[in-house]
All heavy atoms as atom14 arrays in JSON, in Angstrom:
{
  "sequence": "VMQGAGMSENSIARVTSILMSGAVVIGYLVAEGLSDAGNLALP",
  "atom14_mask": [
    [1, 1, 1, 1, 1, 1, 1, 0, 0, 0, 0, 0, 0, 0],
    [1, 1, 1, 1, 1, 1, 1, 1, 0, 0, 0, 0, 0, 0],
    [1, 1, 1, 1, 1, 1, 1, 1, 1, 0, 0, 0, 0, 0],
    [1, 1, 1, 1, 0, 0, 0, 0, 0, 0, 0, 0, 0, 0],
    [1, 1, 1, 1, 1, 0, 0, 0, 0, 0, 0, 0, 0, 0],
    [1, 1, 1, 1, 0, 0, 0, 0, 0, 0, 0, 0, 0, 0],
    [1, 1, 1, 1, 1, 1, 1, 1, 0, 0, 0, 0, 0, 0],
    [1, 1, 1, 1, 1, 1, 0, 0, 0, 0, 0, 0, 0, 0],
    [1, 1, 1, 1, 1, 1, 1, 1, 1, 0, 0, 0, 0, 0],
    [1, 1, 1, 1, 1, 1, 1, 1, 0, 0, 0, 0, 0, 0],
    [1, 1, 1, 1, 1, 1, 0, 0, 0, 0, 0, 0, 0, 0],
    [1, 1, 1, 1, 1, 1, 1, 1, 0, 0, 0, 0, 0, 0],
    [1, 1, 1, 1, 1, 0, 0, 0, 0, 0, 0, 0, 0, 0],
    [1, 1, 1, 1, 1, 1, 1, 1, 1, 1, 1, 0, 0, 0],
    [1, 1, 1, 1, 1, 1, 1, 0, 0, 0, 0, 0, 0, 0],
    [1, 1, 1, 1, 1, 1, 1, 0, 0, 0, 0, 0, 0, 0],
    [1, 1, 1, 1, 1, 1, 0, 0, 0, 0, 0, 0, 0, 0],
    [1, 1, 1, 1, 1, 1, 1, 1, 0, 0, 0, 0, 0, 0],
    [1, 1, 1, 1, 1, 1, 1, 1, 0, 0, 0, 0, 0, 0],
    [1, 1, 1, 1, 1, 1, 1, 1, 0, 0, 0, 0, 0, 0],
    [1, 1, 1, 1, 1, 1, 0, 0, 0, 0, 0, 0, 0, 0],
    [1, 1, 1, 1, 0, 0, 0, 0, 0, 0, 0, 0, 0, 0],
    [1, 1, 1, 1, 1, 0, 0, 0, 0, 0, 0, 0, 0, 0],
    [1, 1, 1, 1, 1, 1, 1, 0, 0, 0, 0, 0, 0, 0],
    [1, 1, 1, 1, 1, 1, 1, 0, 0, 0, 0, 0, 0, 0],
    [1, 1, 1, 1, 1, 1, 1, 1, 0, 0, 0, 0, 0, 0],
    [1, 1, 1, 1, 0, 0, 0, 0, 0, 0, 0, 0, 0, 0],
    [1, 1, 1, 1, 1, 1, 1, 1, 1, 1, 1, 1, 0, 0],
    [1, 1, 1, 1, 1, 1, 1, 1, 0, 0, 0, 0, 0, 0],
    [1, 1, 1, 1, 1, 1, 1, 0, 0, 0, 0, 0, 0, 0],
    [1, 1, 1, 1, 1, 0, 0, 0, 0, 0, 0, 0, 0, 0],
    [1, 1, 1, 1, 1, 1, 1, 1, 1, 0, 0, 0, 0, 0],
    [1, 1, 1, 1, 0, 0, 0, 0, 0, 0, 0, 0, 0, 0],
    [1, 1, 1, 1, 1, 1, 1, 1, 0, 0, 0, 0, 0, 0],
    [1, 1, 1, 1, 1, 1, 0, 0, 0, 0, 0, 0, 0, 0],
    [1, 1, 1, 1, 1, 1, 1, 1, 0, 0, 0, 0, 0, 0],
    [1, 1, 1, 1, 1, 0, 0, 0, 0, 0, 0, 0, 0, 0],
    [1, 1, 1, 1, 0, 0, 0, 0, 0, 0, 0, 0, 0, 0],
    [1, 1, 1, 1, 1, 1, 1, 1, 0, 0, 0, 0, 0, 0],
    [1, 1, 1, 1, 1, 1, 1, 1, 0, 0, 0, 0, 0, 0],
    [1, 1, 1, 1, 1, 0, 0, 0, 0, 0, 0, 0, 0, 0],
    [1, 1, 1, 1, 1, 1, 1, 1, 0, 0, 0, 0, 0, 0],
    [1, 1, 1, 1, 1, 1, 1, 0, 0, 0, 0, 0, 0, 0]
  ],
  "atom14_positions": [
    [[91.54, -120.62, -121.17], [90.46, -119.64, -121.35], [90.97, -118.23, -121.05], [90.69, -117.28, -121.8], [89.25, -119.99, -120.46], [88.24, -118.85, -120.42], [88.59, -121.27, -120.96], [0.0, 0.0, 0.0], [0.0, 0.0, 0.0], [0.0, 0.0, 0.0], [0.0, 0.0, 0.0], [0.0, 0.0, 0.0], [0.0, 0.0, 0.0], [0.0, 0.0, 0.0]],
    [[91.73, -118.09, -119.97], [92.24, -116.76, -119.61], [93.24, -116.24, -120.64], [93.24, -115.06, -120.98], [92.88, -116.8, -118.22], [91.86, -116.97, -117.11], [92.57, -116.93, -115.46], [93.46, -118.47, -115.41], [0.0, 0.0, 0.0], [0.0, 0.0, 0.0], [0.0, 0.0, 0.0], [0.0, 0.0, 0.0], [0.0, 0.0, 0.0], [0.0, 0.0, 0.0]],
    [[94.07, -117.14, -121.18], [95.01, -116.71, -122.23], [94.24, -116.3, -123.47], [94.58, -115.31, -124.11], [95.98, -117.83, -122.56], [97.05, -118.01, -121.52], [97.98, -119.18, -121.83], [97.61, -120.09, -122.57], [99.16, -119.15, -121.25], [0.0, 0.0, 0.0], [0.0, 0.0, 0.0], [0.0, 0.0, 0.0], [0.0, 0.0, 0.0], [0.0, 0.0, 0.0]],
    [[93.21, -117.06, -123.81], [92.39, -116.73, -124.97], [91.65, -115.41, -124.81], [91.39, -114.72, -125.79], [0.0, 0.0, 0.0], [0.0, 0.0, 0.0], [0.0, 0.0, 0.0], [0.0, 0.0, 0.0], [0.0, 0.0, 0.0], [0.0, 0.0, 0.0], [0.0, 0.0, 0.0], [0.0, 0.0, 0.0], [0.0, 0.0, 0.0], [0.0, 0.0, 0.0]],
    [[91.34, -115.07, -123.56], [90.64, -113.82, -123.29], [91.6, -112.64, -123.21], [91.18, -111.5, -123.04], [89.85, -113.93, -121.99], [0.0, 0.0, 0.0], [0.0, 0.0, 0.0], [0.0, 0.0, 0.0], [0.0, 0.0, 0.0], [0.0, 0.0, 0.0], [0.0, 0.0, 0.0], [0.0, 0.0, 0.0], [0.0, 0.0, 0.0], [0.0, 0.0, 0.0]],
    [[92.92, -112.91, -123.32], [93.91, -111.83, -123.32], [94.3, -111.31, -121.95], [94.78, -110.19, -121.83], [0.0, 0.0, 0.0], [0.0, 0.0, 0.0], [0.0, 0.0, 0.0], [0.0, 0.0, 0.0], [0.0, 0.0, 0.0], [0.0, 0.0, 0.0], [0.0, 0.0, 0.0], [0.0, 0.0, 0.0], [0.0, 0.0, 0.0], [0.0, 0.0, 0.0]],
    [[94.11, -112.12, -120.92], [94.51, -111.69, -119.57], [96.03, -111.69, -119.45], [96.72, -112.42, -120.16], [93.9, -112.61, -118.52], [92.38, -112.51, -118.44], [91.69, -113.57, -117.17], [92.11, -112.67, -115.71], [0.0, 0.0, 0.0], [0.0, 0.0, 0.0], [0.0, 0.0, 0.0], [0.0, 0.0, 0.0], [0.0, 0.0, 0.0], [0.0, 0.0, 0.0]],
    [[96.51, -110.9, -118.53], [97.97, -110.81, -118.33], [98.49, -112.07, -117.65], [97.74, -112.8, -116.99], [98.3, -109.59, -117.46], [97.87, -109.81, -116.13], [0.0, 0.0, 0.0], [0.0, 0.0, 0.0], [0.0, 0.0, 0.0], [0.0, 0.0, 0.0], [0.0, 0.0, 0.0], [0.0, 0.0, 0.0], [0.0, 0.0, 0.0], [0.0, 0.0, 0.0]],
    [[99.78, -112.31, -117.82], [100.4, -113.49, -117.19], [100.29, -113.42, -115.67], [100.12, -114.44, -115.01], [101.86, -113.6, -117.61], [102.03, -114.05, -119.04], [103.49, -114.24, -119.41], [104.31, -114.5, -118.5], [103.81, -114.11, -120.6], [0.0, 0.0, 0.0], [0.0, 0.0, 0.0], [0.0, 0.0, 0.0], [0.0, 0.0, 0.0], [0.0, 0.0, 0.0]],
    [[100.37, -112.23, -115.11], [100.25, -112.06, -113.67], [98.86, -112.49, -113.19], [98.73, -113.18, -112.18], [100.55, -110.6, -113.29], [100.68, -110.41, -111.8], [101.13, -111.31, -111.08], [100.29, -109.23, -111.33], [0.0, 0.0, 0.0], [0.0, 0.0, 0.0], [0.0, 0.0, 0.0], [0.0, 0.0, 0.0], [0.0, 0.0, 0.0], [0.0, 0.0, 0.0]],
    [[97.83, -112.08, -113.9], [96.46, -112.45, -113.53], [96.26, -113.95, -113.66], [95.62, -114.58, -112.8], [95.45, -111.72, -114.41], [95.51, -110.34, -114.19], [0.0, 0.0, 0.0], [0.0, 0.0, 0.0], [0.0, 0.0, 0.0], [0.0, 0.0, 0.0], [0.0, 0.0, 0.0], [0.0, 0.0, 0.0], [0.0, 0.0, 0.0], [0.0, 0.0, 0.0]],
    [[96.79, -114.54, -114.7], [96.67, -115.99, -114.91], [97.35, -116.74, -113.78], [96.81, -117.7, -113.25], [97.25, -116.39, -116.29], [96.37, -115.81, -117.41], [97.34, -117.9, -116.41], [96.97, -115.95, -118.79], [0.0, 0.0, 0.0], [0.0, 0.0, 0.0], [0.0, 0.0, 0.0], [0.0, 0.0, 0.0], [0.0, 0.0, 0.0], [0.0, 0.0, 0.0]],
    [[98.54, -116.28, -113.39], [99.27, -116.92, -112.29], [98.49, -116.83, -110.98], [98.44, -117.79, -110.2], [100.65, -116.29, -112.13], [0.0, 0.0, 0.0], [0.0, 0.0, 0.0], [0.0, 0.0, 0.0], [0.0, 0.0, 0.0], [0.0, 0.0, 0.0], [0.0, 0.0, 0.0], [0.0, 0.0, 0.0], [0.0, 0.0, 0.0], [0.0, 0.0, 0.0]],
    [[97.86, -115.7, -110.75], [97.07, -115.53, -109.52], [95.87, -116.48, -109.5], [95.6, -117.12, -108.5], [96.59, -114.09, -109.39], [97.67, -113.14, -108.97], [97.12, -111.76, -108.8], [98.19, -110.86, -108.41], [97.99, -109.62, -108.04], [96.77, -109.13, -108.03], [99.01, -108.87, -107.69], [0.0, 0.0, 0.0], [0.0, 0.0, 0.0], [0.0, 0.0, 0.0]],
    [[95.14, -116.54, -110.6], [93.97, -117.41, -110.66], [94.38, -118.87, -110.53], [93.75, -119.65, -109.81], [93.16, -117.17, -111.95], [92.06, -118.21, -112.12], [92.57, -115.77, -111.95], [0.0, 0.0, 0.0], [0.0, 0.0, 0.0], [0.0, 0.0, 0.0], [0.0, 0.0, 0.0], [0.0, 0.0, 0.0], [0.0, 0.0, 0.0], [0.0, 0.0, 0.0]],
    [[95.45, -119.26, -111.2], [95.96, -120.63, -111.11], [96.33, -120.96, -109.67], [96.01, -122.04, -109.16], [97.17, -120.81, -112.03], [96.77, -120.53, -113.38], [97.71, -122.22, -111.96], [0.0, 0.0, 0.0], [0.0, 0.0, 0.0], [0.0, 0.0, 0.0], [0.0, 0.0, 0.0], [0.0, 0.0, 0.0], [0.0, 0.0, 0.0], [0.0, 0.0, 0.0]],
    [[96.98, -120.04, -109.0], [97.36, -120.24, -107.6], [96.14, -120.41, -106.71], [96.1, -121.28, -105.83], [98.2, -119.05, -107.13], [98.49, -119.17, -105.77], [0.0, 0.0, 0.0], [0.0, 0.0, 0.0], [0.0, 0.0, 0.0], [0.0, 0.0, 0.0], [0.0, 0.0, 0.0], [0.0, 0.0, 0.0], [0.0, 0.0, 0.0], [0.0, 0.0, 0.0]],
    [[95.13, -119.61, -106.93], [93.89, -119.71, -106.15], [93.2, -121.05, -106.4], [92.75, -121.71, -105.46], [92.94, -118.54, -106.48], [93.53, -117.23, -105.95], [91.54, -118.78, -105.93], [92.84, -115.99, -106.47], [0.0, 0.0, 0.0], [0.0, 0.0, 0.0], [0.0, 0.0, 0.0], [0.0, 0.0, 0.0], [0.0, 0.0, 0.0], [0.0, 0.0, 0.0]],
    [[93.14, -121.48, -107.66], [92.51, -122.77, -107.98], [93.24, -123.94, -107.32], [92.61, -124.83, -106.74], [92.47, -122.99, -109.49], [91.43, -122.19, -110.27], [91.63, -122.39, -111.76], [90.03, -122.59, -109.86], [0.0, 0.0, 0.0], [0.0, 0.0, 0.0], [0.0, 0.0, 0.0], [0.0, 0.0, 0.0], [0.0, 0.0, 0.0], [0.0, 0.0, 0.0]],
    [[94.56, -123.93, -107.39], [95.32, -125.03, -106.79], [95.23, -125.01, -105.27], [95.14, -126.06, -104.64], [96.78, -124.98, -107.24], [96.95, -125.33, -108.72], [96.13, -126.87, -109.22], [97.04, -128.06, -108.3], [0.0, 0.0, 0.0], [0.0, 0.0, 0.0], [0.0, 0.0, 0.0], [0.0, 0.0, 0.0], [0.0, 0.0, 0.0], [0.0, 0.0, 0.0]],
    [[95.21, -123.84, -104.67], [95.04, -123.75, -103.22], [93.67, -124.29, -102.82], [93.54, -125.01, -101.83], [95.17, -122.3, -102.75], [96.46, -121.82, -103.02], [0.0, 0.0, 0.0], [0.0, 0.0, 0.0], [0.0, 0.0, 0.0], [0.0, 0.0, 0.0], [0.0, 0.0, 0.0], [0.0, 0.0, 0.0], [0.0, 0.0, 0.0], [0.0, 0.0, 0.0]],
    [[92.65, -123.93, -103.59], [91.31, -124.45, -103.33], [91.26, -125.96, -103.48], [90.59, -126.65, -102.7], [0.0, 0.0, 0.0], [0.0, 0.0, 0.0], [0.0, 0.0, 0.0], [0.0, 0.0, 0.0], [0.0, 0.0, 0.0], [0.0, 0.0, 0.0], [0.0, 0.0, 0.0], [0.0, 0.0, 0.0], [0.0, 0.0, 0.0], [0.0, 0.0, 0.0]],
    [[91.96, -126.49, -104.47], [91.98, -127.93, -104.69], [92.61, -128.65, -103.5], [92.13, -129.7, -103.07], [92.76, -128.26, -105.97], [0.0, 0.0, 0.0], [0.0, 0.0, 0.0], [0.0, 0.0, 0.0], [0.0, 0.0, 0.0], [0.0, 0.0, 0.0], [0.0, 0.0, 0.0], [0.0, 0.0, 0.0], [0.0, 0.0, 0.0], [0.0, 0.0, 0.0]],
    [[93.66, -128.07, -102.95], [94.32, -128.68, -101.78], [93.36, -128.71, -100.6], [93.22, -129.72, -99.91], [95.61, -127.92, -101.43], [96.14, -128.34, -100.07], [96.66, -128.12, -102.5], [0.0, 0.0, 0.0], [0.0, 0.0, 0.0], [0.0, 0.0, 0.0], [0.0, 0.0, 0.0], [0.0, 0.0, 0.0], [0.0, 0.0, 0.0], [0.0, 0.0, 0.0]],
    [[92.67, -127.61, -100.36], [91.73, -127.53, -99.24], [90.57, -128.51, -99.44], [90.21, -129.24, -98.52], [91.21, -126.09, -99.06], [90.06, -126.03, -98.07], [92.33, -125.17, -98.62], [0.0, 0.0, 0.0], [0.0, 0.0, 0.0], [0.0, 0.0, 0.0], [0.0, 0.0, 0.0], [0.0, 0.0, 0.0], [0.0, 0.0, 0.0], [0.0, 0.0, 0.0]],
    [[90.01, -128.56, -100.62], [88.9, -129.47, -100.9], [89.35, -130.92, -100.74], [88.66, -131.73, -100.12], [88.3, -129.21, -102.29], [87.56, -127.88, -102.29], [87.36, -130.34, -102.7], [87.14, -127.4, -103.66], [0.0, 0.0, 0.0], [0.0, 0.0, 0.0], [0.0, 0.0, 0.0], [0.0, 0.0, 0.0], [0.0, 0.0, 0.0], [0.0, 0.0, 0.0]],
    [[90.51, -131.24, -101.28], [91.04, -132.6, -101.14], [91.24, -132.98, -99.69], [90.9, -134.09, -99.27], [0.0, 0.0, 0.0], [0.0, 0.0, 0.0], [0.0, 0.0, 0.0], [0.0, 0.0, 0.0], [0.0, 0.0, 0.0], [0.0, 0.0, 0.0], [0.0, 0.0, 0.0], [0.0, 0.0, 0.0], [0.0, 0.0, 0.0], [0.0, 0.0, 0.0]],
    [[91.77, -132.06, -98.91], [91.99, -132.32, -97.49], [90.66, -132.55, -96.77], [90.52, -133.48, -95.98], [92.75, -131.16, -96.85], [92.89, -131.31, -95.36], [93.84, -132.16, -94.82], [92.06, -130.61, -94.48], [93.98, -132.31, -93.44], [92.19, -130.75, -93.12], [93.14, -131.59, -92.6], [93.25, -131.74, -91.25], [0.0, 0.0, 0.0], [0.0, 0.0, 0.0]],
    [[89.69, -131.68, -97.03], [88.39, -131.81, -96.35], [87.68, -133.11, -96.7], [87.13, -133.78, -95.82], [87.5, -130.61, -96.71], [87.94, -129.27, -96.15], [87.06, -128.15, -96.7], [87.92, -129.27, -94.64], [0.0, 0.0, 0.0], [0.0, 0.0, 0.0], [0.0, 0.0, 0.0], [0.0, 0.0, 0.0], [0.0, 0.0, 0.0], [0.0, 0.0, 0.0]],
    [[87.71, -133.49, -97.96], [87.08, -134.74, -98.37], [87.8, -135.93, -97.74], [87.17, -136.85, -97.21], [87.03, -134.87, -99.91], [86.58, -136.25, -100.33], [86.1, -133.82, -100.5], [0.0, 0.0, 0.0], [0.0, 0.0, 0.0], [0.0, 0.0, 0.0], [0.0, 0.0, 0.0], [0.0, 0.0, 0.0], [0.0, 0.0, 0.0], [0.0, 0.0, 0.0]],
    [[89.12, -135.91, -97.77], [89.89, -137.02, -97.19], [89.65, -137.13, -95.69], [89.48, -138.24, -95.16], [91.38, -136.83, -97.47], [0.0, 0.0, 0.0], [0.0, 0.0, 0.0], [0.0, 0.0, 0.0], [0.0, 0.0, 0.0], [0.0, 0.0, 0.0], [0.0, 0.0, 0.0], [0.0, 0.0, 0.0], [0.0, 0.0, 0.0], [0.0, 0.0, 0.0]],
    [[89.62, -136.02, -94.98], [89.35, -136.04, -93.54], [87.93, -136.52, -93.26], [87.69, -137.25, -92.3], [89.57, -134.66, -92.92], [91.02, -134.32, -92.73], [91.71, -135.27, -91.76], [91.21, -135.47, -90.64], [92.75, -135.81, -92.13], [0.0, 0.0, 0.0], [0.0, 0.0, 0.0], [0.0, 0.0, 0.0], [0.0, 0.0, 0.0], [0.0, 0.0, 0.0]],
    [[86.99, -136.11, -94.08], [85.61, -136.57, -93.91], [85.5, -138.07, -94.09], [84.81, -138.75, -93.32], [0.0, 0.0, 0.0], [0.0, 0.0, 0.0], [0.0, 0.0, 0.0], [0.0, 0.0, 0.0], [0.0, 0.0, 0.0], [0.0, 0.0, 0.0], [0.0, 0.0, 0.0], [0.0, 0.0, 0.0], [0.0, 0.0, 0.0], [0.0, 0.0, 0.0]],
    [[86.18, -138.6, -95.1], [86.17, -140.05, -95.32], [86.85, -140.77, -94.16], [86.38, -141.82, -93.72], [86.87, -140.38, -96.63], [86.15, -139.94, -97.9], [87.03, -140.17, -99.12], [84.84, -140.68, -98.05], [0.0, 0.0, 0.0], [0.0, 0.0, 0.0], [0.0, 0.0, 0.0], [0.0, 0.0, 0.0], [0.0, 0.0, 0.0], [0.0, 0.0, 0.0]],
    [[87.93, -140.21, -93.67], [88.64, -140.81, -92.54], [87.76, -140.81, -91.29], [87.67, -141.81, -90.58], [89.93, -140.03, -92.27], [90.57, -140.52, -91.14], [0.0, 0.0, 0.0], [0.0, 0.0, 0.0], [0.0, 0.0, 0.0], [0.0, 0.0, 0.0], [0.0, 0.0, 0.0], [0.0, 0.0, 0.0], [0.0, 0.0, 0.0], [0.0, 0.0, 0.0]],
    [[87.1, -139.69, -91.03], [86.22, -139.61, -89.87], [85.05, -140.57, -90.0], [84.65, -141.21, -89.03], [85.69, -138.18, -89.7], [86.78, -137.21, -89.26], [87.86, -137.69, -88.82], [86.56, -136.0, -89.36], [0.0, 0.0, 0.0], [0.0, 0.0, 0.0], [0.0, 0.0, 0.0], [0.0, 0.0, 0.0], [0.0, 0.0, 0.0], [0.0, 0.0, 0.0]],
    [[84.5, -140.69, -91.18], [83.38, -141.61, -91.4], [83.84, -143.05, -91.18], [83.11, -143.86, -90.62], [82.81, -141.44, -92.81], [0.0, 0.0, 0.0], [0.0, 0.0, 0.0], [0.0, 0.0, 0.0], [0.0, 0.0, 0.0], [0.0, 0.0, 0.0], [0.0, 0.0, 0.0], [0.0, 0.0, 0.0], [0.0, 0.0, 0.0], [0.0, 0.0, 0.0]],
    [[85.05, -143.37, -91.6], [85.59, -144.71, -91.39], [85.81, -145.0, -89.93], [85.59, -146.12, -89.46], [0.0, 0.0, 0.0], [0.0, 0.0, 0.0], [0.0, 0.0, 0.0], [0.0, 0.0, 0.0], [0.0, 0.0, 0.0], [0.0, 0.0, 0.0], [0.0, 0.0, 0.0], [0.0, 0.0, 0.0], [0.0, 0.0, 0.0], [0.0, 0.0, 0.0]],
    [[86.24, -143.99, -89.17], [86.46, -144.17, -87.74], [85.16, -144.38, -86.99], [85.12, -145.05, -85.97], [87.22, -142.98, -87.15], [88.68, -142.97, -87.58], [89.24, -144.0, -87.94], [89.28, -141.8, -87.57], [0.0, 0.0, 0.0], [0.0, 0.0, 0.0], [0.0, 0.0, 0.0], [0.0, 0.0, 0.0], [0.0, 0.0, 0.0], [0.0, 0.0, 0.0]],
    [[84.07, -143.81, -87.46], [82.77, -143.99, -86.81], [82.29, -145.43, -86.93], [81.59, -145.94, -86.06], [81.72, -143.05, -87.4], [81.9, -141.58, -87.08], [80.84, -140.77, -87.83], [81.8, -141.32, -85.59], [0.0, 0.0, 0.0], [0.0, 0.0, 0.0], [0.0, 0.0, 0.0], [0.0, 0.0, 0.0], [0.0, 0.0, 0.0], [0.0, 0.0, 0.0]],
    [[82.68, -146.08, -88.01], [82.23, -147.45, -88.26], [82.98, -148.46, -87.4], [82.52, -149.57, -87.2], [82.41, -147.79, -89.73], [0.0, 0.0, 0.0], [0.0, 0.0, 0.0], [0.0, 0.0, 0.0], [0.0, 0.0, 0.0], [0.0, 0.0, 0.0], [0.0, 0.0, 0.0], [0.0, 0.0, 0.0], [0.0, 0.0, 0.0], [0.0, 0.0, 0.0]],
    [[84.15, -148.07, -86.87], [84.94, -148.99, -86.05], [84.44, -148.97, -84.61], [84.15, -147.92, -84.06], [86.42, -148.57, -86.07], [87.11, -148.62, -87.42], [88.52, -148.06, -87.3], [87.16, -150.04, -87.94], [0.0, 0.0, 0.0], [0.0, 0.0, 0.0], [0.0, 0.0, 0.0], [0.0, 0.0, 0.0], [0.0, 0.0, 0.0], [0.0, 0.0, 0.0]],
    [[84.36, -150.14, -83.98], [83.93, -150.16, -82.58], [85.03, -149.59, -81.69], [86.21, -149.7, -82.0], [83.7, -151.64, -82.31], [84.57, -152.35, -83.3], [84.6, -151.46, -84.52], [0.0, 0.0, 0.0], [0.0, 0.0, 0.0], [0.0, 0.0, 0.0], [0.0, 0.0, 0.0], [0.0, 0.0, 0.0], [0.0, 0.0, 0.0], [0.0, 0.0, 0.0]]
  ]
}
């Protein structure tokens, strides 16, 4: 979409970097939440 809109390669690289960083954080938070929920179920 950004290439189609004529954005510069630098801007595309920045947005891609932000998206992937966000994905890492979201993945970590979800995984930790699932792990914590699993630990609550154990006696």
